[in-house]
């Protein structure tokens, strides 16, 4: 992992010496592969459980966060109603231009600029899923897909962090009311970084736990006001991990993010040493995975993570693919004008048509998946379906941009690094464990096969449209 350089101050950034992290395992939203029956069983257990306790409505907080998240937002974004849907939508073009203008610098610094983060906040991403009782939007997944993809057109790293800041607000809605008040009592525009893969250790304390450990690949953590960190209790091995809300003053950041793409996400390592976490700032990870109901949770909160995880990860990739197509098309227009070969022209036309079709197909798949979630009429089979749809969509986006990257040749790369960055970002997103197609396909097939009744040989013989001679060729 490398040596940690201690500064003696908790609220600091420290640097790593030694080998840097090369794996891309950012904010894993599910532990391995769950079959459709496991998904259903997990959700059913929590839906019927009477052991989940939450603070009562109106319970007052004994602690207020020391940060001032509102100061991060450009004052011009908050006039006439801070973070309202109309204001956020109106500011989105500015957000995209700002993200694009700072994209190269973000790659070099391996973190987003303060200007870009301020615009993400002004665009309403931090508050997108925050409960309305705290001034949030309780927004839709279709809305998040559209916004994060649009931001991703300017900078995929900004789209990635923006999508995750929104998703992590949904996570924090699982905290008891008192814990939610700690986070959002002053403003819903709070940036939350999350590490959902268990690490570290939580030791019992008189009013909660003492948390220590290191959590790798935590996107956007340099700008986070709070972190949700997953750990198992030292004496509660059978209880499953919890997510613990830790304020910015109680964790340090170890610079460790070295990756092929998404360099600007600043997915560094979080280090916690002996932070005191009261009971109202923690909840079981299993509740989040299952989409369990609870105090103040609305439709956007009570969905299984596997129903929406891949969809959220694909959003910035969709935007990056649009950026790549636009960049390539501008180059191809001039290349076609300079070319005296009809064969070369046909190759460019064919590439444009095929890559556009792949991109449109991916967009339609993702929009359809978002609609399934937002209508609230999804089934357990749709959980597996959405996971597989996300892997199919990312494969289409990779294929689309790979084709552009190969066809562009050396000359397009001489004049612009945008296409190369989009290519690296999309392939890095596609490498995420949640977006691997084979496990998702197996889970989807299991969900289909488990819903089919077994047919006996006699039923096969009498099935309409199958002759007696054809049944001999039906595989056993």
Protein backbone atom coordinates (compact mmCIF):
# COMPACT_ATOMS: atom_id res chain seq x y z
CA UNK A 1 0.00 0.00 0.00
CA UNK A 2 2.85 2.37 0.66
CA UNK A 3 3.92 4.44 3.60
CA UNK A 4 1.53 7.01 5.03
CA UNK A 5 3.12 10.38 5.70
CA UNK A 6 1.54 11.76 8.86
CA UNK A 7 1.03 15.50 9.09
CA UNK A 8 -0.33 15.61 12.62
CA UNK A 9 -3.54 17.26 11.39
CA UNK A 10 -6.66 15.23 10.70
CA UNK A 11 -8.21 17.48 8.06
CA UNK A 12 -5.34 17.24 5.58
CA UNK A 13 -4.23 15.54 2.42
CA UNK A 14 -1.25 13.25 2.74
CA UNK A 15 0.76 11.52 0.05
CA UNK A 16 1.74 7.92 -0.43
CA UNK A 17 5.26 6.66 -0.93
CA UNK A 18 5.81 3.41 -2.76
CA UNK A 19 3.61 1.50 -5.23
CA UNK A 20 0.50 3.35 -6.30
CA UNK A 21 -2.94 1.86 -6.63
CA UNK A 22 -3.67 0.64 -10.13
CA UNK A 23 -6.96 -1.22 -9.66
CA UNK A 24 -10.24 0.52 -10.38
CA UNK A 25 -12.71 -0.58 -7.74
CA UNK A 26 -14.67 2.60 -7.05
CA UNK A 27 -17.72 2.59 -4.80
CA UNK A 28 -18.82 -0.98 -5.44
CA UNK A 29 -22.59 -1.02 -5.04
CA UNK A 30 -22.98 -4.76 -4.55
CA UNK A 31 -20.94 -7.53 -2.98
CA UNK A 32 -20.21 -9.97 -5.77
CA UNK A 33 -23.11 -11.51 -7.65
CA UNK A 34 -26.52 -12.06 -6.13
CA UNK A 35 -28.95 -14.44 -7.81
CA UNK A 36 -32.52 -13.27 -8.35
CA UNK A 37 -33.70 -15.51 -5.52
CA UNK A 38 -31.09 -13.99 -3.18
CA UNK A 39 -32.20 -10.49 -4.17
CA UNK A 40 -35.82 -11.36 -3.48
CA UNK A 41 -35.02 -13.08 -0.20
CA UNK A 42 -32.91 -10.17 1.04
CA UNK A 43 -35.58 -7.62 0.26
CA UNK A 44 -38.41 -9.76 1.68
CA UNK A 45 -36.54 -10.24 4.95
CA UNK A 46 -36.18 -6.51 5.42
CA UNK A 47 -39.68 -5.68 4.27
CA UNK A 48 -41.07 -7.97 6.98
CA UNK A 49 -38.50 -7.22 9.67
CA UNK A 50 -39.63 -5.54 12.86
CA UNK A 51 -36.13 -5.14 14.22
CA UNK A 52 -35.10 -2.09 12.17
CA UNK A 53 -35.25 0.91 14.45
CA UNK A 54 -35.18 4.56 13.43
CA UNK A 55 -35.33 7.81 15.30
CA UNK A 56 -38.80 9.29 15.69
CA UNK A 57 -39.90 12.26 13.57
CA UNK A 58 -39.01 15.57 15.16
CA UNK A 59 -36.04 14.21 17.12
CA UNK A 60 -33.49 17.02 17.53
CA UNK A 61 -29.80 16.74 16.78
CA UNK A 62 -27.21 17.30 19.50
CA UNK A 63 -24.54 18.08 16.90
CA UNK A 64 -24.28 20.44 13.97
CA UNK A 65 -21.66 19.94 11.26
CA UNK A 66 -18.76 22.35 11.47
CA UNK A 67 -18.41 22.81 7.70
CA UNK A 68 -20.22 25.43 5.65
CA UNK A 69 -21.28 23.56 2.53
CA UNK A 70 -23.39 26.47 1.33
CA UNK A 71 -20.27 28.63 0.96
CA UNK A 72 -19.02 26.31 -1.78
CA UNK A 73 -21.88 27.29 -4.12
CA UNK A 74 -21.55 30.30 -6.39
CA UNK A 75 -23.96 32.95 -4.99
CA UNK A 76 -25.39 33.52 -8.46
CA UNK A 77 -26.69 29.95 -8.42
CA UNK A 78 -28.67 30.41 -5.23
CA UNK A 79 -30.57 33.58 -6.02
CA UNK A 80 -34.28 33.09 -6.49
CA UNK A 81 -34.44 29.72 -4.77
CA UNK A 82 -31.35 27.75 -3.92
CA UNK A 83 -30.95 24.59 -5.93
CA UNK A 84 -34.54 24.54 -7.25
CA UNK A 85 -35.12 22.22 -10.22
CA UNK A 86 -35.64 25.15 -12.59
CA UNK A 87 -32.53 26.98 -11.43
CA UNK A 88 -30.41 23.84 -11.60
CA UNK A 89 -31.58 23.03 -15.14
CA UNK A 90 -30.88 26.59 -16.26
CA UNK A 91 -27.34 26.41 -14.89
CA UNK A 92 -26.51 23.03 -16.46
CA UNK A 93 -24.94 24.48 -19.66
CA UNK A 94 -22.62 26.57 -17.47
CA UNK A 95 -21.74 23.45 -15.49
CA UNK A 96 -20.84 21.57 -18.66
CA UNK A 97 -18.67 24.42 -19.99
CA UNK A 98 -16.89 24.75 -16.64
CA UNK A 99 -16.25 21.00 -16.43
CA UNK A 100 -14.89 20.97 -20.01
CA UNK A 101 -12.66 23.98 -19.39
CA UNK A 102 -11.08 22.32 -16.33
CA UNK A 103 -10.99 18.73 -17.66
CA UNK A 104 -7.30 18.67 -18.61
CA UNK A 105 -6.26 20.33 -15.36
CA UNK A 106 -8.36 17.83 -13.40
CA UNK A 107 -6.51 14.98 -15.10
CA UNK A 108 -3.16 16.45 -14.15
CA UNK A 109 -4.17 17.27 -10.56
CA UNK A 110 -6.09 13.97 -10.21
CA UNK A 111 -9.00 15.82 -8.65
CA UNK A 112 -11.77 18.10 -9.83
CA UNK A 113 -11.32 21.85 -9.56
CA UNK A 114 -13.23 23.84 -6.94
CA UNK A 115 -14.97 25.67 -9.78
CA UNK A 116 -16.26 22.42 -11.27
CA UNK A 117 -17.43 21.11 -7.91
CA UNK A 118 -19.22 24.38 -7.21
CA UNK A 119 -21.05 24.04 -10.51
CA UNK A 120 -21.99 20.40 -9.76
CA UNK A 121 -23.51 21.58 -6.49
CA UNK A 122 -25.30 24.43 -8.22
CA UNK A 123 -26.70 21.98 -10.77
CA UNK A 124 -28.50 20.24 -7.91
CA UNK A 125 -26.57 16.97 -7.94
CA UNK A 126 -25.72 16.87 -4.21
CA UNK A 127 -29.38 17.35 -3.26
CA UNK A 128 -30.87 15.23 -6.05
CA UNK A 129 -32.01 12.36 -3.79
CA UNK A 130 -31.97 14.21 -0.46
CA UNK A 131 -35.37 13.95 1.30
CA UNK A 132 -37.62 16.98 0.80
CA UNK A 133 -37.91 17.52 4.54
CA UNK A 134 -34.26 18.70 4.39
CA UNK A 135 -34.76 20.82 1.26
CA UNK A 136 -33.79 18.09 -1.21
CA UNK A 137 -35.38 17.10 -4.48
CA UNK A 138 -36.19 13.38 -4.03
CA UNK A 139 -35.44 13.27 -7.75
CA UNK A 140 -35.79 10.56 -10.36
CA UNK A 141 -33.23 8.19 -11.81
CA UNK A 142 -34.16 9.34 -15.30
CA UNK A 143 -33.36 12.89 -14.25
CA UNK A 144 -30.01 11.85 -12.81
CA UNK A 145 -29.16 9.87 -15.96
CA UNK A 146 -29.84 12.93 -18.13
CA UNK A 147 -27.96 15.38 -15.89
CA UNK A 148 -24.90 13.22 -15.26
CA UNK A 149 -24.64 12.30 -18.95
CA UNK A 150 -24.83 15.96 -19.91
CA UNK A 151 -22.09 16.86 -17.42
CA UNK A 152 -20.10 13.89 -18.74
CA UNK A 153 -20.08 15.49 -22.19
CA UNK A 154 -17.85 18.18 -20.72
CA UNK A 155 -15.78 15.91 -18.47
CA UNK A 156 -16.42 12.26 -17.65
CA UNK A 157 -14.72 12.61 -14.26
CA UNK A 158 -17.08 15.45 -13.35
CA UNK A 159 -20.06 13.41 -14.54
CA UNK A 160 -18.85 10.44 -12.49
CA UNK A 161 -18.41 12.43 -9.28
CA UNK A 162 -21.67 14.29 -9.81
CA UNK A 163 -23.59 11.03 -10.29
CA UNK A 164 -22.01 9.55 -7.17
CA UNK A 165 -22.59 12.65 -5.05
CA UNK A 166 -26.28 12.28 -5.95
CA UNK A 167 -26.32 8.53 -5.28
CA UNK A 168 -24.61 8.96 -1.92
CA UNK A 169 -27.31 11.40 -0.85
CA UNK A 170 -29.72 8.53 -1.43
CA UNK A 171 -27.54 6.30 0.74
CA UNK A 172 -27.52 8.82 3.59
CA UNK A 173 -31.33 8.79 3.62
CA UNK A 174 -30.93 5.44 5.41
CA UNK A 175 -29.50 7.17 8.46
CA UNK A 176 -31.84 7.71 11.43
CA UNK A 177 -33.50 11.15 11.54
CA UNK A 178 -30.94 12.51 13.98
CA UNK A 179 -28.09 11.46 11.72
CA UNK A 180 -29.79 13.03 8.71
CA UNK A 181 -30.13 16.24 10.67
CA UNK A 182 -26.38 16.18 11.35
CA UNK A 183 -25.74 16.06 7.61
CA UNK A 184 -28.50 18.22 6.15
CA UNK A 185 -29.75 20.34 9.04
CA UNK A 186 -28.16 23.47 7.56
CA UNK A 187 -28.28 22.75 3.82
CA UNK A 188 -29.10 19.87 1.47
CA UNK A 189 -26.08 20.76 -0.67
CA UNK A 190 -23.72 18.45 1.21
CA UNK A 191 -21.14 16.41 -0.72
CA UNK A 192 -20.85 12.83 0.50
CA UNK A 193 -18.13 10.36 -0.53
CA UNK A 194 -18.70 6.65 0.06
CA UNK A 195 -16.71 3.45 0.37
CA UNK A 196 -19.19 0.60 0.46
CA UNK A 197 -16.71 -2.28 0.45
CA UNK A 198 -16.03 -3.14 4.13
CA UNK A 199 -12.61 -2.21 5.49
CA UNK A 200 -11.22 -1.06 8.80
CA UNK A 201 -12.86 -1.89 12.10
CA UNK A 202 -15.57 -0.44 14.29
CA UNK A 203 -15.06 -1.12 17.98
CA UNK A 204 -17.97 -0.69 20.41
CA UNK A 205 -17.96 2.55 22.40
CA UNK A 206 -20.37 3.84 25.10
CA UNK A 207 -22.59 5.70 22.60
CA UNK A 208 -21.64 4.02 19.35
CA UNK A 209 -18.33 2.95 17.84
CA UNK A 210 -14.68 3.91 17.49
CA UNK A 211 -13.82 3.66 13.80
CA UNK A 212 -10.34 3.13 12.34
CA UNK A 213 -9.00 1.95 9.00
CA UNK A 214 -8.24 2.74 5.37
CA UNK A 215 -10.75 2.74 2.53
CA UNK A 216 -9.44 2.75 -1.04
CA UNK A 217 -10.77 4.33 -4.24
CA UNK A 218 -13.20 6.85 -2.72
CA UNK A 219 -14.34 9.12 -5.55
CA UNK A 220 -14.50 12.87 -5.01
CA UNK A 221 -13.24 12.61 -1.46
CA UNK A 222 -11.08 15.76 -1.68
CA UNK A 223 -14.26 17.83 -1.84
CA UNK A 224 -16.44 15.75 0.47
CA UNK A 225 -18.06 17.23 3.57
CA UNK A 226 -18.83 13.75 4.94
CA UNK A 227 -17.79 10.18 4.17
CA UNK A 228 -19.93 7.06 4.49
CA UNK A 229 -17.47 4.26 5.30
CA UNK A 230 -18.32 0.57 5.49
CA UNK A 231 -16.86 -1.57 8.27
CA UNK A 232 -17.73 -4.60 10.35
CA UNK A 233 -18.08 -4.35 14.08
CA UNK A 234 -15.17 -5.87 15.99
CA UNK A 235 -17.55 -7.95 18.10
CA UNK A 236 -20.45 -8.23 15.64
CA UNK A 237 -19.14 -10.45 12.88
CA UNK A 238 -22.56 -12.00 12.21
CA UNK A 239 -24.40 -8.69 12.06
CA UNK A 240 -22.99 -7.63 8.69
CA UNK A 241 -21.20 -4.39 7.88
CA UNK A 242 -22.59 -0.93 8.57
CA UNK A 243 -22.06 2.39 6.85
CA UNK A 244 -20.68 4.97 9.29
CA UNK A 245 -21.06 8.72 8.62
CA UNK A 246 -17.79 10.52 9.37
CA UNK A 247 -17.39 14.33 9.12
CA UNK A 248 -14.53 15.81 7.14
CA UNK A 249 -12.61 16.84 10.26
CA UNK A 250 -12.31 13.19 11.30
CA UNK A 251 -10.61 11.69 8.26
CA UNK A 252 -7.48 12.30 6.19
CA UNK A 253 -6.97 11.71 2.47
CA UNK A 254 -4.07 9.64 1.19
CA UNK A 255 -3.28 10.50 -2.43
CA UNK A 256 -3.21 7.12 -4.13
CA UNK A 257 -5.30 7.40 -7.30
CA UNK A 258 -3.31 6.36 -10.41
CA UNK A 259 -5.49 5.06 -13.21
CA UNK A 260 -5.75 4.89 -16.98
CA UNK A 261 -8.98 6.89 -17.06
CA UNK A 262 -11.27 8.93 -14.80
CA UNK A 263 -8.11 10.53 -13.47
CA UNK A 264 -9.96 13.65 -12.39
CA UNK A 265 -12.25 11.78 -9.99
CA UNK A 266 -9.63 11.93 -7.24
CA UNK A 267 -10.60 8.46 -6.04
CA UNK A 268 -8.01 8.49 -3.28
CA UNK A 269 -7.76 6.58 0.01
CA UNK A 270 -9.58 7.66 3.17
CA UNK A 271 -7.72 7.19 6.45
CA UNK A 272 -9.53 7.24 9.81
CA UNK A 273 -7.84 6.86 13.18
CA UNK A 274 -10.04 6.50 16.23
CA UNK A 275 -13.04 8.54 15.05
CA UNK A 276 -16.02 8.45 17.42
CA UNK A 277 -19.24 7.58 15.55
CA UNK A 278 -22.48 7.85 17.55
CA UNK A 279 -25.24 5.32 16.93
CA UNK A 280 -27.43 7.73 15.03
CA UNK A 281 -24.74 8.05 12.34
CA UNK A 282 -24.74 4.43 11.19
CA UNK A 283 -27.01 1.92 9.46
CA UNK A 284 -26.69 -1.67 8.13
CA UNK A 285 -25.41 -1.99 4.57
CA UNK A 286 -27.90 -4.80 4.01
CA UNK A 287 -30.78 -2.32 4.31
CA UNK A 288 -29.35 -0.27 1.45
CA UNK A 289 -28.66 -3.32 -0.70
CA UNK A 290 -32.22 -4.56 -0.26
CA UNK A 291 -33.92 -1.18 -0.64
CA UNK A 292 -35.57 -1.51 2.77
CA UNK A 293 -38.35 0.89 3.80
CA UNK A 294 -37.87 3.11 6.83
CA UNK A 295 -38.39 6.51 8.36
CA UNK A 296 -38.73 9.25 5.74
CA UNK A 297 -37.66 7.05 2.83
CA UNK A 298 -39.50 7.69 -0.41
CA UNK A 299 -39.80 5.75 -3.66
CA UNK A 300 -36.37 6.88 -4.89
CA UNK A 301 -34.74 5.55 -1.72
CA UNK A 302 -36.38 2.13 -1.36
CA UNK A 303 -35.00 0.41 -4.43
CA UNK A 304 -32.40 -2.39 -4.37
CA UNK A 305 -28.92 -1.18 -5.21
CA UNK A 306 -28.58 -3.71 -8.03
CA UNK A 307 -31.60 -2.16 -9.74
CA UNK A 308 -29.85 1.20 -10.18
CA UNK A 309 -26.09 0.79 -9.60
CA UNK A 310 -25.09 0.00 -13.19
CA UNK A 311 -27.43 2.67 -14.53
CA UNK A 312 -25.73 5.38 -12.44
CA UNK A 313 -22.24 4.26 -13.48
CA UNK A 314 -23.17 4.31 -17.18
CA UNK A 315 -24.43 7.90 -17.15
CA UNK A 316 -21.02 9.65 -17.40
CA UNK A 317 -19.91 7.10 -20.01
CA UNK A 318 -22.90 8.03 -22.14
CA UNK A 319 -21.85 11.68 -21.96
CA UNK A 320 -18.23 10.86 -22.76
CA UNK A 321 -19.33 8.85 -25.81
CA UNK A 322 -21.33 11.85 -27.07
CA UNK A 323 -18.26 14.03 -26.62
CA UNK A 324 -16.12 11.52 -28.51
CA UNK A 325 -18.63 11.34 -31.37
CA UNK A 326 -18.85 15.12 -31.63
CA UNK A 327 -15.05 15.51 -31.57
CA UNK A 328 -14.59 12.78 -34.19
CA UNK A 329 -17.37 14.16 -36.43
CA UNK A 330 -15.73 17.60 -36.54
CA UNK A 331 -12.47 15.97 -37.58
CA UNK A 332 -14.16 13.65 -40.09
CA UNK A 333 -15.94 16.54 -41.81
CA UNK A 334 -12.64 18.23 -42.61
CA UNK A 335 -10.97 14.91 -43.44
CA UNK A 336 -13.71 14.13 -45.97
CA UNK A 337 -13.33 17.56 -47.56
CA UNK A 338 -9.60 17.03 -47.99
CA UNK A 339 -9.92 13.47 -49.24
CA UNK A 340 -9.93 12.59 -52.94
CA UNK A 341 -10.83 8.96 -52.30
CA UNK A 342 -14.44 7.78 -52.40
CA UNK A 343 -13.36 4.69 -50.47
CA UNK A 344 -12.07 6.80 -47.60
CA UNK A 345 -15.28 8.83 -47.61
CA UNK A 346 -17.40 5.69 -47.43
CA UNK A 347 -15.32 4.43 -44.50
CA UNK A 348 -15.93 7.66 -42.58
CA UNK A 349 -19.65 7.61 -43.36
CA UNK A 350 -19.94 3.99 -42.27
CA UNK A 351 -18.06 4.66 -39.04
CA UNK A 352 -20.27 7.63 -38.21
CA UNK A 353 -23.47 5.70 -38.85
CA UNK A 354 -22.44 2.60 -36.89
CA UNK A 355 -21.05 4.48 -33.89
CA UNK A 356 -24.10 6.74 -33.76
CA UNK A 357 -26.37 3.69 -33.82
CA UNK A 358 -24.45 2.01 -30.98
CA UNK A 359 -24.59 5.19 -28.90
CA UNK A 360 -28.32 5.68 -29.51
CA UNK A 361 -29.02 2.05 -28.64
CA UNK A 362 -27.15 2.40 -25.36
CA UNK A 363 -29.04 5.61 -24.53
CA UNK A 364 -32.42 4.00 -25.22
CA UNK A 365 -31.55 0.98 -23.07
CA UNK A 366 -30.51 3.19 -20.16
CA UNK A 367 -33.55 5.46 -20.44
CA UNK A 368 -35.81 2.40 -20.47
CA UNK A 369 -34.04 1.03 -17.37
CA UNK A 370 -34.50 4.37 -15.59
CA UNK A 371 -38.21 4.40 -16.44
CA UNK A 372 -38.63 0.95 -14.92
CA UNK A 373 -37.25 2.28 -11.64
CA UNK A 374 -39.08 5.61 -11.63
CA UNK A 375 -42.53 4.16 -12.29
CA UNK A 376 -42.20 2.01 -9.18
CA UNK A 377 -43.66 -0.97 -11.03
CA UNK A 378 -40.45 -2.97 -11.18
CA UNK A 379 -40.28 -6.66 -10.28
CA UNK A 380 -37.51 -8.79 -8.84
CA UNK A 381 -36.78 -9.96 -12.38
CA UNK A 382 -36.30 -6.30 -13.38
CA UNK A 383 -33.49 -6.04 -10.81
CA UNK A 384 -31.52 -8.65 -12.73
CA UNK A 385 -32.64 -7.17 -16.05
CA UNK A 386 -31.44 -3.66 -15.22
CA UNK A 387 -28.06 -5.00 -14.15
CA UNK A 388 -27.66 -6.80 -17.46
CA UNK A 389 -28.97 -3.84 -19.46
CA UNK A 390 -26.26 -1.65 -17.92
CA UNK A 391 -23.53 -4.09 -18.99
CA UNK A 392 -24.99 -4.22 -22.51
CA UNK A 393 -25.14 -0.43 -22.69
CA UNK A 394 -21.53 0.03 -21.58
CA UNK A 395 -20.40 -2.60 -24.12
CA UNK A 396 -22.16 -0.64 -26.87
CA UNK A 397 -20.54 2.62 -25.73
CA UNK A 398 -17.10 1.01 -25.65
CA UNK A 399 -17.62 -0.42 -29.13
CA UNK A 400 -18.82 2.93 -30.44
CA UNK A 401 -15.84 4.89 -29.14
CA UNK A 402 -13.31 2.15 -29.95
CA UNK A 403 -14.44 2.38 -33.58
CA UNK A 404 -14.02 6.16 -33.60
CA UNK A 405 -10.63 5.90 -31.93
CA UNK A 406 -9.33 3.40 -34.50
CA UNK A 407 -10.75 5.22 -37.54
CA UNK A 408 -9.43 8.62 -36.45
CA UNK A 409 -5.86 7.60 -37.04
CA UNK A 410 -2.80 9.48 -35.91
CA UNK A 411 -3.86 12.91 -37.21
CA UNK A 412 -6.89 13.33 -34.97
CA UNK A 413 -4.77 12.54 -31.92
CA UNK A 414 -2.15 15.09 -32.94
CA UNK A 415 -4.66 17.94 -32.75
CA UNK A 416 -6.81 16.99 -29.77
CA UNK A 417 -6.52 14.89 -26.65
CA UNK A 418 -10.31 14.89 -26.12
CA UNK A 419 -11.01 11.69 -28.05
CA UNK A 420 -8.18 9.88 -26.28
CA UNK A 421 -9.44 11.03 -22.87
CA UNK A 422 -13.00 9.93 -23.68
CA UNK A 423 -11.68 6.55 -24.83
CA UNK A 424 -9.68 6.08 -21.62
CA UNK A 425 -12.55 7.21 -19.39
CA UNK A 426 -15.15 4.94 -20.99
CA UNK A 427 -12.90 1.89 -20.89
CA UNK A 428 -12.10 2.58 -17.24
CA UNK A 429 -15.81 2.80 -16.39
CA UNK A 430 -16.43 -0.43 -18.31
CA UNK A 431 -13.83 -2.16 -16.14
CA UNK A 432 -15.91 -1.62 -12.99
CA UNK A 433 -17.01 -4.86 -11.35
CA UNK A 434 -20.70 -3.88 -11.47
CA UNK A 435 -20.50 -3.54 -15.27
CA UNK A 436 -18.99 -6.92 -16.09
CA UNK A 437 -21.30 -8.66 -18.51
CA UNK A 438 -20.80 -12.36 -17.73
CA UNK A 439 -21.91 -12.29 -14.04
CA UNK A 440 -24.84 -10.01 -14.95
CA UNK A 441 -25.87 -12.34 -17.78
CA UNK A 442 -25.81 -15.36 -15.48
CA UNK A 443 -27.98 -13.58 -12.91
CA UNK A 444 -30.42 -12.44 -15.60
CA UNK A 445 -30.66 -15.95 -17.06
CA UNK A 446 -31.26 -17.35 -13.57
CA UNK A 447 -34.11 -14.90 -13.08
CA UNK A 448 -35.70 -16.00 -16.36
CA UNK A 449 -35.21 -19.72 -15.91
CA UNK A 450 -36.44 -19.70 -12.32
CA UNK A 451 -39.74 -18.24 -13.51
CA UNK A 452 -40.34 -20.92 -16.13
CA UNK A 453 -42.25 -24.08 -15.35
CA UNK A 454 -40.44 -27.31 -16.15
CA UNK A 455 -41.93 -29.21 -19.08
CA UNK A 456 -42.15 -32.95 -19.02
CA UNK A 457 -41.31 -35.05 -22.14
CA UNK A 458 -45.04 -35.71 -22.59
CA UNK A 459 -45.78 -31.98 -22.60
CA UNK A 460 -43.06 -31.44 -25.19
CA UNK A 461 -44.63 -34.09 -27.45
CA UNK A 462 -48.00 -32.37 -27.25
CA UNK A 463 -46.70 -28.80 -27.53
CA UNK A 464 -48.26 -26.84 -30.41
CA UNK A 465 -46.05 -26.51 -33.48
CA UNK A 466 -43.71 -29.41 -32.53
CA UNK A 467 -44.15 -32.60 -34.48
CA UNK A 468 -43.37 -36.07 -33.16
CA UNK A 469 -40.30 -36.28 -35.39
CA UNK A 470 -39.03 -32.88 -34.19
CA UNK A 471 -39.27 -33.80 -30.50
CA UNK A 472 -36.53 -36.36 -30.98
CA UNK A 473 -34.18 -33.48 -31.75
CA UNK A 474 -35.09 -31.46 -28.64
CA UNK A 475 -32.02 -31.52 -26.33
CA UNK A 476 -32.50 -33.24 -22.99
